[in-house]
N, C-alpha and C. Protein backbone atom coordinates (compact mmCIF):
# COMPACT_ATOMS: atom_id res chain seq x y z
N MET A 1 -14.57 -23.67 8.55
CA MET A 1 -15.07 -22.64 7.69
C MET A 1 -14.72 -23.24 6.52
N SER A 2 -15.50 -23.35 5.35
CA SER A 2 -15.25 -23.44 3.80
C SER A 2 -14.18 -22.33 3.32
N ARG A 3 -13.05 -22.58 2.59
CA ARG A 3 -12.37 -21.31 1.95
C ARG A 3 -13.04 -21.13 0.52
N GLU A 4 -13.98 -20.22 0.00
CA GLU A 4 -14.50 -20.13 -1.23
C GLU A 4 -13.67 -19.27 -2.18
N LYS A 5 -12.92 -18.00 -1.45
CA LYS A 5 -12.32 -17.28 -2.37
C LYS A 5 -11.00 -17.39 -2.17
N ARG A 6 -10.17 -16.92 -3.30
CA ARG A 6 -8.82 -16.99 -3.25
C ARG A 6 -8.51 -15.63 -3.64
N PHE A 7 -7.02 -15.20 -3.04
CA PHE A 7 -6.61 -13.96 -3.25
C PHE A 7 -5.23 -13.81 -3.11
N SER A 8 -4.43 -13.10 -4.25
CA SER A 8 -3.11 -13.13 -4.20
C SER A 8 -2.70 -11.79 -4.47
N MET A 9 -1.67 -11.25 -3.83
CA MET A 9 -1.06 -9.77 -3.91
C MET A 9 0.56 -9.61 -3.85
N TRP A 10 0.96 -8.64 -4.44
CA TRP A 10 2.38 -8.48 -4.57
C TRP A 10 2.88 -7.73 -3.34
N MET A 11 3.99 -8.17 -3.03
CA MET A 11 4.56 -7.18 -1.71
C MET A 11 6.13 -7.40 -2.12
N THR A 12 6.69 -6.53 -1.10
CA THR A 12 8.17 -6.21 -1.32
C THR A 12 8.93 -7.47 -0.43
N ASP A 13 10.11 -7.50 -0.82
CA ASP A 13 10.86 -8.73 -0.16
C ASP A 13 10.61 -8.51 1.30
N ARG A 14 10.72 -7.01 1.73
CA ARG A 14 10.91 -6.69 3.17
C ARG A 14 9.48 -7.31 3.86
N GLU A 15 8.35 -6.61 3.08
CA GLU A 15 7.26 -6.87 3.53
C GLU A 15 6.96 -8.50 3.69
N TYR A 16 7.20 -9.27 2.88
CA TYR A 16 7.25 -10.94 2.86
C TYR A 16 7.96 -11.25 4.25
N GLU A 17 9.35 -10.99 4.31
CA GLU A 17 9.93 -11.45 5.49
C GLU A 17 9.15 -10.95 6.76
N LYS A 18 8.60 -9.72 6.82
CA LYS A 18 8.24 -9.13 8.37
C LYS A 18 7.01 -10.43 8.35
N LEU A 19 6.11 -10.70 7.44
CA LEU A 19 4.97 -11.32 7.77
C LEU A 19 5.53 -12.79 7.84
N LYS A 20 6.42 -13.12 7.21
CA LYS A 20 6.88 -14.55 7.42
C LYS A 20 7.79 -14.37 9.08
N ILE A 21 8.44 -13.94 9.45
CA ILE A 21 8.83 -13.80 10.85
C ILE A 21 7.72 -13.62 11.84
N TYR A 22 6.76 -12.83 11.22
CA TYR A 22 5.86 -12.52 12.42
C TYR A 22 5.06 -13.86 12.53
N ALA A 23 4.52 -14.65 11.48
CA ALA A 23 3.74 -15.55 11.47
C ALA A 23 4.51 -16.94 11.96
N GLY A 24 5.67 -16.90 12.00
CA GLY A 24 6.62 -17.79 12.54
C GLY A 24 6.64 -17.79 14.24
N SER A 25 6.76 -16.56 14.69
CA SER A 25 6.59 -16.20 15.91
C SER A 25 5.20 -16.59 16.66
N GLN A 26 4.30 -16.51 15.93
CA GLN A 26 3.00 -16.87 16.40
C GLN A 26 2.60 -18.25 16.11
N SER A 27 3.46 -19.11 15.50
CA SER A 27 3.08 -20.52 14.86
C SER A 27 1.98 -20.86 14.13
N VAL A 28 1.63 -19.67 13.34
CA VAL A 28 0.45 -19.81 12.43
C VAL A 28 1.02 -19.44 11.13
N SER A 29 0.24 -19.58 9.72
CA SER A 29 0.69 -19.82 8.50
C SER A 29 0.53 -18.31 8.47
N MET A 30 1.16 -17.59 7.19
CA MET A 30 1.18 -16.16 6.86
C MET A 30 -0.32 -15.91 6.37
N ALA A 31 -1.16 -16.97 5.87
CA ALA A 31 -2.17 -16.84 5.40
C ALA A 31 -3.18 -16.60 6.61
N GLU A 32 -2.90 -17.25 7.69
CA GLU A 32 -3.70 -16.99 8.95
C GLU A 32 -3.57 -15.73 9.51
N VAL A 33 -2.23 -15.22 9.61
CA VAL A 33 -2.18 -13.72 9.88
C VAL A 33 -3.12 -12.98 9.25
N LEU A 34 -2.96 -12.76 8.07
CA LEU A 34 -3.84 -11.91 7.34
C LEU A 34 -5.44 -12.40 7.66
N ARG A 35 -5.63 -13.64 7.66
CA ARG A 35 -7.47 -13.86 8.00
C ARG A 35 -7.64 -13.30 9.15
N ASP A 36 -6.63 -13.41 10.32
CA ASP A 36 -7.04 -12.87 11.50
C ASP A 36 -7.06 -11.24 11.61
N TYR A 37 -6.12 -10.59 10.68
CA TYR A 37 -6.42 -9.06 10.67
C TYR A 37 -7.49 -8.82 9.88
N ILE A 38 -8.11 -9.21 8.92
CA ILE A 38 -9.05 -9.16 8.37
C ILE A 38 -10.53 -9.38 9.01
N LYS A 39 -10.43 -10.19 10.06
CA LYS A 39 -11.40 -10.31 11.19
C LYS A 39 -11.60 -9.40 11.79
N ILE A 40 -10.33 -8.28 12.25
CA ILE A 40 -10.78 -7.14 13.21
C ILE A 40 -10.86 -5.86 12.54
N LEU A 41 -11.20 -5.85 11.28
CA LEU A 41 -11.22 -4.63 10.55
C LEU A 41 -12.86 -4.30 10.88
N THR A 42 -12.84 -3.00 10.80
CA THR A 42 -14.00 -2.52 11.05
C THR A 42 -14.66 -2.03 9.73
N PRO A 43 -16.00 -2.37 9.92
CA PRO A 43 -17.01 -2.32 8.50
C PRO A 43 -16.87 -0.86 7.92
N PRO A 44 -17.02 -0.26 6.90
CA PRO A 44 -17.20 0.81 6.72
C PRO A 44 -18.40 1.47 7.13
N LYS A 45 -18.60 2.85 7.10
CA LYS A 45 -19.65 3.46 7.31
C LYS A 45 -21.16 3.13 6.63
N GLY A 46 -22.19 2.83 7.07
CA GLY A 46 -23.32 2.42 6.35
C GLY A 46 -23.42 0.80 6.10
N GLY A 47 -22.17 0.32 6.75
CA GLY A 47 -22.40 -1.44 6.63
C GLY A 47 -22.13 -2.09 5.32
N ASP A 48 -22.04 -1.28 4.31
CA ASP A 48 -21.98 -1.91 3.29
C ASP A 48 -20.58 -2.57 2.73
N THR A 49 -20.43 -3.84 3.02
CA THR A 49 -19.10 -4.47 2.66
C THR A 49 -18.76 -4.90 1.45
N THR A 50 -19.62 -4.77 0.38
CA THR A 50 -19.52 -5.48 -0.82
C THR A 50 -18.93 -4.38 -1.99
N SER A 51 -18.60 -3.35 -1.73
CA SER A 51 -18.13 -2.13 -2.75
C SER A 51 -17.41 -1.18 -2.09
N HIS A 52 -16.66 -0.71 -2.74
CA HIS A 52 -15.33 0.28 -2.39
C HIS A 52 -15.93 1.54 -2.97
N PRO A 53 -15.80 2.56 -2.46
CA PRO A 53 -16.17 4.08 -2.64
C PRO A 53 -14.95 4.48 -3.78
């Protein structure tokens, strides 16, 4: 799958360390952890994934 969008975010040192440790325990990148989480998100009611109320 081609990566077409870039996203950045701020997080605390603790959040970063938790993500880093979890990713390491799963032998995946931190980005892959977030991608996998996004895949399991339930679409909002109405099915519109392009806007936020």
